[in-house]
Amino acid sequence: MLGSMPSRSRPSRQDPNRQEPDPTQWQHRHARVTEQQQTSFAELLFPEVATSVREAPASGTSNTNVSGSTSSQGSPNQAPAQAAAALETFAAFVPVYAVRLIRVDSLALRRGEQRPQLQRPEDVAALLWPHLEHADREHFALLLLDTRNRLIGLSTVSVGDLSSTLVHPREVFKPALLANAASVLLAHNHPSGDPTPSPEDLAVTRRLCEAGELLGIGVLDHVVLGEKGHYVSLKEKGLM
């Protein structure tokens, strides 16, 4: 059973020469830290605003130079407050995003083997079949290629159900743009084992080809995988 420990009273020992801290000093120090934080925050979001405010002379202050003329110049301590006041004129802040391509897995290559060059649909089937052989749902995969048709990477665009999966051009070409791919290969599996393309497969392929033309990223082929490595190439069948 846990319980609280009894407190022990200690005799007070006061140093007669000890000086109590002045609370106003802590407040002034806290105010300076807050101003520094506001300055860094302002420079992070709107560096041009903070710089212009810092370099602008403050009104109501004057300094006399060596020649005796009077010039208006702001105090350095007033710049953070002015930068914060300038930022208050904005109704809201817009988030700043950085988009990155993140590798989550890798395909094993034989020792000494370079990045595969995909020239034929059987190359696509041989590459993907070991990974989709036991899949019980449709997987739509995107193979990213460089200018020599060498494989840059592989991205799974979507995973559907037993007989369908959702595919949108936005999600298909997002990794292609981030990877600077020159062209792409489309591929998906049919868990039923029959690689015959459906009317929906043909419609999606046409839509993706049109989107690729607009983006300057060629869609070379769409390979449908069935059972035991059997496949159908829409390019070979003249369906794209």
Protein backbone atom coordinates (compact mmCIF):
# COMPACT_ATOMS: atom_id res chain seq x y z
CA MET A 1 0.00 0.00 0.00
CA LEU A 2 1.37 3.34 -1.01
CA GLY A 3 1.04 6.37 1.18
CA SER A 4 2.38 9.85 1.39
CA MET A 5 5.60 10.43 3.36
CA PRO A 6 5.28 12.65 6.47
CA SER A 7 6.79 16.08 6.11
CA ARG A 8 9.69 17.08 8.34
CA SER A 9 10.00 20.56 9.68
CA ARG A 10 13.43 22.17 9.34
CA PRO A 11 14.66 25.12 11.40
CA SER A 12 14.82 28.27 9.37
CA ARG A 13 18.27 29.57 8.65
CA GLN A 14 18.28 33.12 7.40
CA ASP A 15 21.39 34.89 6.28
CA PRO A 16 21.34 38.47 7.57
CA ASN A 17 23.42 39.58 4.54
CA ARG A 18 21.15 37.90 1.98
CA GLN A 19 19.23 40.24 -0.32
CA GLU A 20 15.80 39.30 -1.57
CA PRO A 21 15.48 39.30 -5.40
CA ASP A 22 13.75 42.27 -6.91
CA PRO A 23 10.59 41.08 -8.78
CA THR A 24 10.82 44.02 -11.18
CA GLN A 25 14.15 42.73 -12.48
CA TRP A 26 12.56 39.40 -13.46
CA GLN A 27 9.69 41.22 -15.17
CA HIS A 28 12.11 43.36 -17.20
CA ARG A 29 14.16 40.30 -18.12
CA HIS A 30 10.98 38.42 -19.12
CA ALA A 31 9.88 41.35 -21.26
CA ARG A 32 13.21 41.35 -23.12
CA VAL A 33 12.96 37.60 -23.80
CA THR A 34 9.40 38.03 -25.08
CA GLU A 35 10.50 40.80 -27.44
CA GLN A 36 13.30 38.60 -28.79
CA GLN A 37 10.85 35.75 -29.39
CA GLN A 38 8.51 38.10 -31.23
CA THR A 39 11.37 39.31 -33.41
CA SER A 40 12.43 35.80 -34.42
CA PHE A 41 8.80 34.84 -35.03
CA ALA A 42 8.28 37.91 -37.21
CA GLU A 43 11.44 37.32 -39.20
CA LEU A 44 10.49 33.67 -39.70
CA LEU A 45 7.07 34.39 -41.20
CA PHE A 46 7.53 37.81 -42.80
CA PRO A 47 11.24 38.68 -42.93
CA GLU A 48 10.66 41.59 -45.29
CA VAL A 49 8.20 43.19 -42.86
CA ALA A 50 10.45 42.76 -39.84
CA THR A 51 13.49 44.10 -41.72
CA SER A 52 11.67 47.17 -42.99
CA VAL A 53 10.29 47.93 -39.56
CA ARG A 54 13.68 47.50 -37.91
CA GLU A 55 15.39 49.82 -40.39
CA ALA A 56 12.64 52.45 -40.32
CA PRO A 57 13.27 55.40 -37.93
CA ALA A 58 10.98 55.64 -34.92
CA SER A 59 8.83 58.76 -34.69
CA GLY A 60 9.14 61.05 -31.68
CA THR A 61 12.86 60.36 -31.00
CA SER A 62 15.75 62.54 -32.07
CA ASN A 63 19.51 62.30 -31.71
CA THR A 64 22.08 65.00 -32.30
CA ASN A 65 25.05 64.00 -34.42
CA VAL A 66 28.55 65.39 -34.38
CA SER A 67 27.77 68.25 -36.76
CA GLY A 68 24.97 69.47 -34.55
CA SER A 69 22.13 68.51 -36.87
CA THR A 70 19.20 66.62 -35.47
CA SER A 71 18.24 63.25 -36.97
CA SER A 72 15.35 60.97 -36.16
CA GLN A 73 16.40 57.45 -35.28
CA GLY A 74 14.60 54.64 -33.49
CA SER A 75 15.87 52.74 -30.52
CA PRO A 76 16.92 49.09 -31.18
CA ASN A 77 14.67 48.01 -28.33
CA GLN A 78 11.63 49.41 -30.15
CA ALA A 79 12.13 47.30 -33.30
CA PRO A 80 10.66 44.06 -31.91
CA ALA A 81 7.55 45.82 -30.66
CA GLN A 82 7.11 47.60 -34.01
CA ALA A 83 7.55 44.32 -35.89
CA ALA A 84 4.93 42.67 -33.70
CA ALA A 85 2.59 45.61 -34.24
CA ALA A 86 3.09 45.34 -38.01
CA LEU A 87 2.20 41.66 -37.91
CA GLU A 88 -1.02 42.46 -36.04
CA THR A 89 -2.29 44.23 -39.16
CA PHE A 90 -2.69 40.83 -40.85
CA ALA A 91 -6.07 39.20 -40.33
CA ALA A 92 -4.64 35.68 -40.33
CA PHE A 93 -1.46 33.77 -41.01
CA VAL A 94 -1.13 31.43 -43.97
CA PRO A 95 0.69 28.15 -43.21
CA VAL A 96 3.91 27.52 -45.12
CA TYR A 97 4.35 23.91 -46.30
CA ALA A 98 7.28 21.96 -47.67
CA VAL A 99 6.43 18.89 -49.77
CA ARG A 100 8.89 16.02 -49.69
CA LEU A 101 9.05 12.53 -51.17
CA ILE A 102 9.66 9.96 -48.42
CA ARG A 103 10.95 6.45 -49.04
CA VAL A 104 9.03 3.94 -46.94
CA ASP A 105 10.40 0.67 -48.36
CA SER A 106 12.67 -0.76 -51.02
CA LEU A 107 12.76 -3.61 -53.51
CA ALA A 108 15.62 -6.06 -53.20
CA LEU A 109 18.05 -6.25 -56.13
CA ARG A 110 20.63 -8.92 -56.77
CA ARG A 111 24.22 -8.15 -55.86
CA GLY A 112 25.80 -6.02 -58.55
CA GLU A 113 22.46 -5.37 -60.27
CA GLN A 114 21.74 -1.81 -61.30
CA ARG A 115 18.40 -0.09 -61.43
CA PRO A 116 16.27 -2.17 -63.82
CA GLN A 117 15.46 -0.77 -67.23
CA LEU A 118 11.83 -1.49 -68.03
CA GLN A 119 11.38 -1.87 -71.76
CA ARG A 120 8.63 -4.51 -72.03
CA PRO A 121 5.44 -5.31 -70.13
CA GLU A 122 6.89 -8.63 -69.01
CA ASP A 123 9.55 -6.64 -67.17
CA VAL A 124 6.78 -4.91 -65.21
CA ALA A 125 5.02 -8.19 -64.50
CA ALA A 126 8.24 -9.86 -63.34
CA LEU A 127 8.98 -6.96 -61.01
CA LEU A 128 5.54 -6.67 -59.39
CA TRP A 129 4.27 -10.23 -59.38
CA PRO A 130 6.29 -11.41 -56.35
CA HIS A 131 4.81 -8.55 -54.31
CA LEU A 132 1.20 -8.90 -55.50
CA GLU A 133 1.00 -12.66 -55.82
CA HIS A 134 -0.95 -13.15 -52.60
CA ALA A 135 -2.80 -9.84 -52.54
CA ASP A 136 -6.51 -10.25 -51.82
CA ARG A 137 -7.37 -6.70 -52.87
CA GLU A 138 -6.66 -4.55 -55.88
CA HIS A 139 -3.42 -2.56 -55.68
CA PHE A 140 -2.77 0.26 -58.13
CA ALA A 141 0.97 0.77 -58.52
CA LEU A 142 2.95 3.51 -60.22
CA LEU A 143 6.45 2.88 -61.59
CA LEU A 144 8.56 6.02 -61.94
CA LEU A 145 11.08 6.09 -64.80
CA ASP A 146 13.88 8.39 -65.88
CA THR A 147 14.70 9.44 -69.44
CA ARG A 148 16.31 6.03 -70.13
CA ASN A 149 13.33 4.07 -68.78
CA ARG A 150 15.32 3.06 -65.71
CA LEU A 151 13.29 2.57 -62.57
CA ILE A 152 13.49 5.48 -60.12
CA GLY A 153 11.01 4.10 -57.63
CA LEU A 154 7.67 2.51 -57.01
CA SER A 155 4.60 4.06 -55.39
CA THR A 156 1.35 2.39 -54.35
CA VAL A 157 -1.32 4.88 -55.34
CA SER A 158 -4.29 3.13 -53.77
CA VAL A 159 -5.53 -0.14 -52.32
CA GLY A 160 -9.15 -1.03 -52.99
CA ASP A 161 -11.39 -3.99 -52.34
CA LEU A 162 -11.84 -7.33 -54.07
CA SER A 163 -12.89 -5.95 -57.43
CA SER A 164 -12.11 -2.22 -57.59
CA THR A 165 -9.89 0.60 -56.38
CA LEU A 166 -10.17 4.38 -56.60
CA VAL A 167 -7.65 6.16 -58.81
CA HIS A 168 -7.40 9.93 -59.31
CA PRO A 169 -4.87 11.72 -61.56
CA ARG A 170 -3.91 14.00 -58.68
CA GLU A 171 -2.73 11.08 -56.56
CA VAL A 172 -1.10 9.30 -59.49
CA PHE A 173 1.12 12.14 -60.67
CA LYS A 174 2.00 13.61 -57.28
CA PRO A 175 4.91 11.16 -56.67
CA ALA A 176 5.93 11.44 -60.34
CA LEU A 177 6.36 15.20 -60.01
CA LEU A 178 8.23 14.94 -56.72
CA ALA A 179 10.59 12.29 -58.11
CA ASN A 180 11.23 14.26 -61.35
CA ALA A 181 10.08 11.26 -63.37
CA ALA A 182 10.24 11.56 -67.15
CA SER A 183 7.58 8.89 -67.67
CA VAL A 184 5.51 6.39 -65.72
CA LEU A 185 4.14 2.88 -66.03
CA LEU A 186 0.74 1.98 -64.57
CA ALA A 187 -0.02 -1.42 -63.13
CA HIS A 188 -2.68 -3.05 -61.00
CA ASN A 189 -3.72 -6.55 -60.13
CA HIS A 190 -6.99 -8.44 -60.40
CA PRO A 191 -7.44 -10.70 -57.34
CA SER A 192 -9.88 -12.82 -59.37
CA GLY A 193 -6.93 -14.01 -61.46
CA ASP A 194 -8.37 -12.83 -64.78
CA PRO A 195 -6.19 -10.02 -66.18
CA THR A 196 -8.75 -8.94 -68.77
CA PRO A 197 -9.13 -5.14 -68.42
CA SER A 198 -12.56 -3.87 -67.48
CA PRO A 199 -14.30 -0.86 -69.08
CA GLU A 200 -13.40 1.09 -65.93
CA ASP A 201 -9.74 0.20 -66.44
CA LEU A 202 -9.85 1.58 -69.96
CA ALA A 203 -11.59 4.78 -68.88
CA VAL A 204 -9.09 5.43 -66.09
CA THR A 205 -6.19 4.78 -68.44
CA ARG A 206 -7.46 7.29 -71.00
CA ARG A 207 -7.93 9.90 -68.29
CA LEU A 208 -4.43 9.38 -66.92
CA CYS A 209 -2.91 9.56 -70.39
CA GLU A 210 -4.61 12.92 -70.94
CA ALA A 211 -3.37 14.21 -67.60
CA GLY A 212 0.15 13.01 -68.38
CA GLU A 213 0.16 14.90 -71.67
CA LEU A 214 -0.74 18.12 -69.87
CA LEU A 215 2.03 17.60 -67.29
CA GLY A 216 4.66 16.46 -69.76
CA ILE A 217 4.95 13.02 -68.14
CA GLY A 218 4.34 10.20 -70.57
CA VAL A 219 2.24 7.17 -69.64
CA LEU A 220 4.03 4.33 -71.41
CA ASP A 221 1.77 1.40 -70.60
CA HIS A 222 -0.83 0.01 -68.22
CA VAL A 223 -0.24 -3.60 -67.20
CA VAL A 224 -2.99 -5.66 -65.56
CA LEU A 225 -1.73 -8.62 -63.54
CA GLY A 226 -3.66 -11.85 -63.10
CA GLU A 227 -2.81 -15.20 -61.54
CA LYS A 228 0.50 -17.03 -61.96
CA GLY A 229 2.17 -14.01 -63.49
CA HIS A 230 -0.23 -13.72 -66.43
CA TYR A 231 -0.77 -10.16 -67.57
CA VAL A 232 -2.39 -7.98 -70.19
CA SER A 233 -0.66 -4.94 -71.63
CA LEU A 234 -3.06 -2.23 -72.78
CA LYS A 235 -0.30 -0.87 -75.01
CA GLU A 236 0.19 -4.17 -76.79
CA LYS A 237 -3.57 -4.59 -77.20
CA GLY A 238 -3.87 -1.14 -78.77
CA LEU A 239 -6.21 0.04 -75.99
CA MET A 240 -4.29 3.23 -75.18
